Protein backbone atom coordinates (compact mmCIF):
# COMPACT_ATOMS: atom_id res chain seq x y z
CA MET A 1 0.07 -0.04 0.01
CA GLY A 2 1.37 3.41 -0.89
CA THR A 3 2.00 6.35 1.45
CA ARG A 4 -0.95 8.24 -0.10
CA GLN A 5 -3.43 5.53 0.77
CA GLU A 6 -1.98 5.29 4.38
CA ASP A 7 -2.55 9.10 4.68
CA ILE A 8 -6.13 8.66 3.35
CA LEU A 9 -6.83 5.98 5.99
CA PHE A 10 -5.40 8.16 8.75
CA TYR A 11 -7.44 11.13 7.44
CA LEU A 12 -10.78 9.09 7.42
CA LYS A 13 -10.00 7.70 10.90
CA ALA A 14 -9.58 11.36 12.26
CA GLN A 15 -12.61 12.71 10.25
CA GLY A 16 -15.07 9.91 10.64
CA SER A 17 -16.17 10.37 6.98
CA ALA A 18 -15.39 12.53 3.99
CA THR A 19 -16.54 13.25 0.47
CA LEU A 20 -14.25 12.78 -2.54
CA ALA A 21 -13.74 16.57 -2.71
CA GLU A 22 -12.77 16.66 1.02
CA VAL A 23 -10.24 13.78 0.60
CA ALA A 24 -8.85 15.36 -2.49
CA THR A 25 -8.33 18.68 -0.82
CA ALA A 26 -6.89 17.23 2.37
CA MET A 27 -4.47 15.26 0.30
CA ALA A 28 -3.61 18.07 -2.11
CA ILE A 29 -4.36 15.93 -5.10
CA THR A 30 -6.95 16.00 -7.93
CA LYS A 31 -10.35 14.31 -7.58
CA GLN A 32 -9.26 11.66 -10.12
CA GLY A 33 -6.31 10.90 -8.04
CA ALA A 34 -8.17 10.63 -4.85
CA LEU A 35 -10.78 8.38 -6.57
CA ARG A 36 -8.20 5.94 -7.68
CA HIS A 37 -6.70 5.61 -4.28
CA LEU A 38 -10.23 5.31 -2.80
CA ALA A 39 -11.19 2.64 -5.20
CA ALA A 40 -8.19 0.64 -4.41
CA LEU A 41 -8.95 0.98 -0.57
CA GLU A 42 -12.45 -0.16 -1.23
CA GLU A 43 -11.33 -3.03 -3.22
CA SER A 44 -9.10 -4.00 -0.38
CA GLY A 45 -12.05 -3.94 1.97
CA LEU A 46 -10.61 -1.04 4.10
CA VAL A 47 -12.96 1.83 3.04
CA THR A 48 -16.70 1.86 2.29
CA ALA A 49 -18.56 4.36 0.14
CA THR A 50 -22.36 5.37 0.57
CA SER A 51 -24.28 7.78 -1.60
CA ARG A 52 -25.71 10.61 0.23
CA LYS A 53 -27.69 13.69 -1.02
CA ALA A 54 -26.87 17.07 0.35
CA GLY A 55 -29.16 19.97 -0.59
CA ARG A 56 -30.23 20.32 -4.27
CA GLY A 57 -27.06 18.94 -5.71
CA ARG A 58 -26.35 15.45 -7.09
CA PRO A 59 -25.80 12.64 -4.51
CA ALA A 60 -22.13 12.44 -3.54
CA HIS A 61 -20.15 9.49 -2.27
CA VAL A 62 -19.23 9.66 1.33
CA TYR A 63 -16.30 7.55 2.43
CA GLU A 64 -15.65 5.84 5.78
CA LEU A 65 -13.39 3.28 7.20
CA ALA A 66 -14.63 -0.34 7.06
CA ALA A 67 -14.47 -2.47 10.08
CA LYS A 68 -11.55 -4.37 8.68
CA ALA A 69 -9.49 -1.10 8.78
CA GLY A 70 -9.26 -1.34 12.56
CA ASP A 71 -6.86 -4.16 12.13
CA HIS A 72 -4.76 -2.05 9.79
CA PHE A 73 -3.65 0.36 12.44
CA PRO A 74 -0.62 -0.69 14.66
CA GLN A 75 -1.71 -2.41 17.77
CA GLY A 76 1.20 -4.73 18.51
CA HIS A 77 2.96 -2.13 20.52
CA ARG A 78 0.20 -2.00 23.16
CA ALA A 79 0.96 -5.19 24.94
CA LEU A 80 4.71 -4.50 24.97
CA ALA A 81 4.14 -1.03 26.26
CA ASN A 82 1.81 -2.25 29.07
CA GLU A 83 4.43 -4.88 30.06
CA LEU A 84 7.20 -2.33 30.09
CA VAL A 85 5.00 0.06 32.41
CA SER A 86 4.44 -2.84 34.83
CA PHE A 87 8.09 -3.40 35.24
CA ILE A 88 9.50 0.17 35.35
CA PRO A 89 9.09 1.85 38.68
CA ALA A 90 6.74 4.85 38.58
CA ALA A 91 9.39 7.48 39.47
CA GLU A 92 11.65 6.22 36.56
CA LEU A 93 8.72 6.25 34.19
CA LYS A 94 7.80 9.80 35.14
CA THR A 95 11.48 10.84 34.67
CA PHE A 96 11.63 9.24 31.18
CA PHE A 97 8.56 11.00 29.87
CA LYS A 98 9.83 14.39 31.27
CA ARG A 99 13.22 13.77 29.56
CA ARG A 100 11.44 12.93 26.33
CA ALA A 101 9.49 16.18 26.51
CA ARG A 102 12.63 18.16 27.09
CA ALA A 103 14.12 16.40 23.90
CA LEU A 104 11.03 17.33 21.80
CA GLU A 105 11.18 20.79 23.14
CA THR A 106 14.78 21.16 21.82
CA GLU A 107 13.74 19.56 18.42
CA TYR A 108 10.64 21.82 18.09
CA GLY A 109 11.78 25.01 19.62
CA GLY A 110 13.52 26.52 16.61
CA ARG A 111 10.56 25.64 14.35
CA VAL A 112 8.09 27.67 16.39
CA ARG A 113 10.27 30.68 17.36
CA GLY A 114 9.06 34.01 15.98
CA LEU A 115 5.61 32.71 14.93
CA SER A 116 2.23 34.13 16.09
CA LEU A 117 0.33 32.07 18.60
CA GLU A 118 -1.78 30.51 15.73
CA GLY A 119 1.41 29.74 13.77
CA ARG A 120 3.01 28.10 16.97
CA VAL A 121 -0.10 26.12 17.49
CA ARG A 122 -0.42 24.79 13.85
CA GLU A 123 3.26 23.99 13.72
CA VAL A 124 3.05 22.16 17.09
CA ALA A 125 0.09 20.13 15.70
CA ARG A 126 1.94 19.43 12.44
CA LEU A 127 4.81 18.14 14.45
CA ALA A 128 2.63 16.01 16.76
CA THR A 129 1.07 14.52 13.62
CA GLU A 130 4.62 13.61 12.42
CA HIS A 131 4.97 11.66 15.74
CA GLY A 132 1.81 9.78 15.05
CA HIS A 133 -0.74 11.77 17.00
CA MET A 134 -3.01 12.79 14.01
CA ALA A 135 -3.50 16.36 15.37
CA GLU A 136 -5.70 19.00 13.94
CA VAL A 137 -6.29 22.60 14.98
CA GLU A 138 -9.66 24.33 15.50
CA ALA A 139 -10.59 27.89 16.58
CA ALA A 140 -11.97 27.90 20.07
CA GLY A 141 -13.33 31.34 20.32
CA ASP A 142 -11.94 34.49 21.99
CA GLY A 143 -8.57 34.16 20.37
CA ALA A 144 -8.28 30.59 21.61
CA TYR A 145 -7.35 27.38 19.83
CA ALA A 146 -7.77 23.66 20.39
CA ILE A 147 -5.36 20.92 19.27
CA LYS A 148 -7.32 17.57 18.83
CA GLN A 149 -5.18 14.53 18.71
CA HIS A 150 -7.11 11.51 17.46
CA ASN A 151 -4.61 8.81 17.51
CA CYS A 152 -2.34 8.58 20.59
CA PRO A 153 0.30 5.91 19.83
CA ILE A 154 0.58 5.24 23.59
CA ALA A 155 -2.99 5.78 24.81
CA ASP A 156 -2.93 2.53 26.94
CA VAL A 157 0.23 3.75 28.78
CA ALA A 158 -1.21 7.20 29.16
CA GLY A 159 -4.34 5.61 30.66
CA LEU A 160 -2.38 3.66 33.15
CA THR A 161 0.03 6.41 34.49
CA GLY A 162 -1.02 9.79 33.01
CA HIS A 163 2.65 10.76 32.92
CA PRO A 164 3.01 11.07 29.11
CA CYS A 165 -0.03 13.51 28.96
CA GLN A 166 1.31 15.55 31.94
CA ALA A 167 4.73 15.87 30.21
CA GLU A 168 3.11 16.75 26.93
CA GLN A 169 0.94 19.37 28.39
CA GLU A 170 3.97 21.06 30.08
CA LEU A 171 5.80 20.78 26.73
CA TYR A 172 2.94 22.69 24.91
CA ARG A 173 2.94 25.38 27.62
CA ARG A 174 6.71 25.93 27.17
CA LEU A 175 6.57 25.87 23.37
CA LEU A 176 3.54 27.99 22.97
CA GLY A 177 4.04 30.45 25.72
CA ALA A 178 0.45 30.23 26.45
CA ASN A 179 -2.14 28.68 28.83
CA VAL A 180 -2.80 25.01 28.00
CA LYS A 181 -5.70 23.12 29.42
CA ARG A 182 -6.53 19.46 28.66
CA ASP A 183 -10.33 19.36 27.73
CA SER A 184 -10.68 15.68 26.74
CA TRP A 185 -8.72 12.41 27.02
CA ILE A 186 -8.80 9.34 24.86
CA PRO A 187 -8.39 6.96 27.86
CA ASP A 188 -11.78 8.40 29.19
CA GLY A 189 -13.44 7.14 26.08
CA ASN A 190 -13.33 10.46 24.20
CA ALA A 191 -12.62 10.55 20.44
CA SER A 192 -9.68 12.71 20.97
CA CYS A 193 -7.21 14.24 23.43
CA THR A 194 -7.91 17.98 23.22
CA TYR A 195 -5.74 20.71 24.52
CA LEU A 196 -7.24 24.27 24.82
CA ILE A 197 -4.66 27.00 24.15
CA LYS A 198 -5.05 30.63 25.02
CA GLU A 199 -2.66 33.64 25.24
CA LYS A 200 -1.58 34.35 28.80
CA GLY A 201 -3.70 37.21 29.99
């Protein structure tokens, strides 16, 4: 499977469903190109298409992940991660995630320096996506923003200890120079981990 098809699968996982035009726009490709990739994913049983009518226009196909696609996303790391957590003392685990956050801060710092708050938020979300978090940014009103992460690679570990999320929240505070509040959490059964970000007042 090509990288573009992988990207489409992750996009549909984050969005829930999307039209051909939305997929094409998100992937920055033509509708014909998107259609070819979606047809291949349908043939593989990873994507389903249903026809829906919106307003007065012609019915449009809406694409969603098929049940089989759930097996496509990496799961094998979960058992190993849970096993490691059970063997590593809590204090050492907390130190590990703090150290990791500091390393990411060093990596990210130069890339957000000098940007506006919105620019910093969007760059941090893009970098988080590079690390597997499938992050998107939404305006949250009153000059605030929300970073929504739909695919935490270590959600089970986060649910067991909370250390990764606490370290990540502190990382975002330092990088963004803003107030950062966690509004939702995947281990609580939410669809995303959401961080609300607002300029310090």
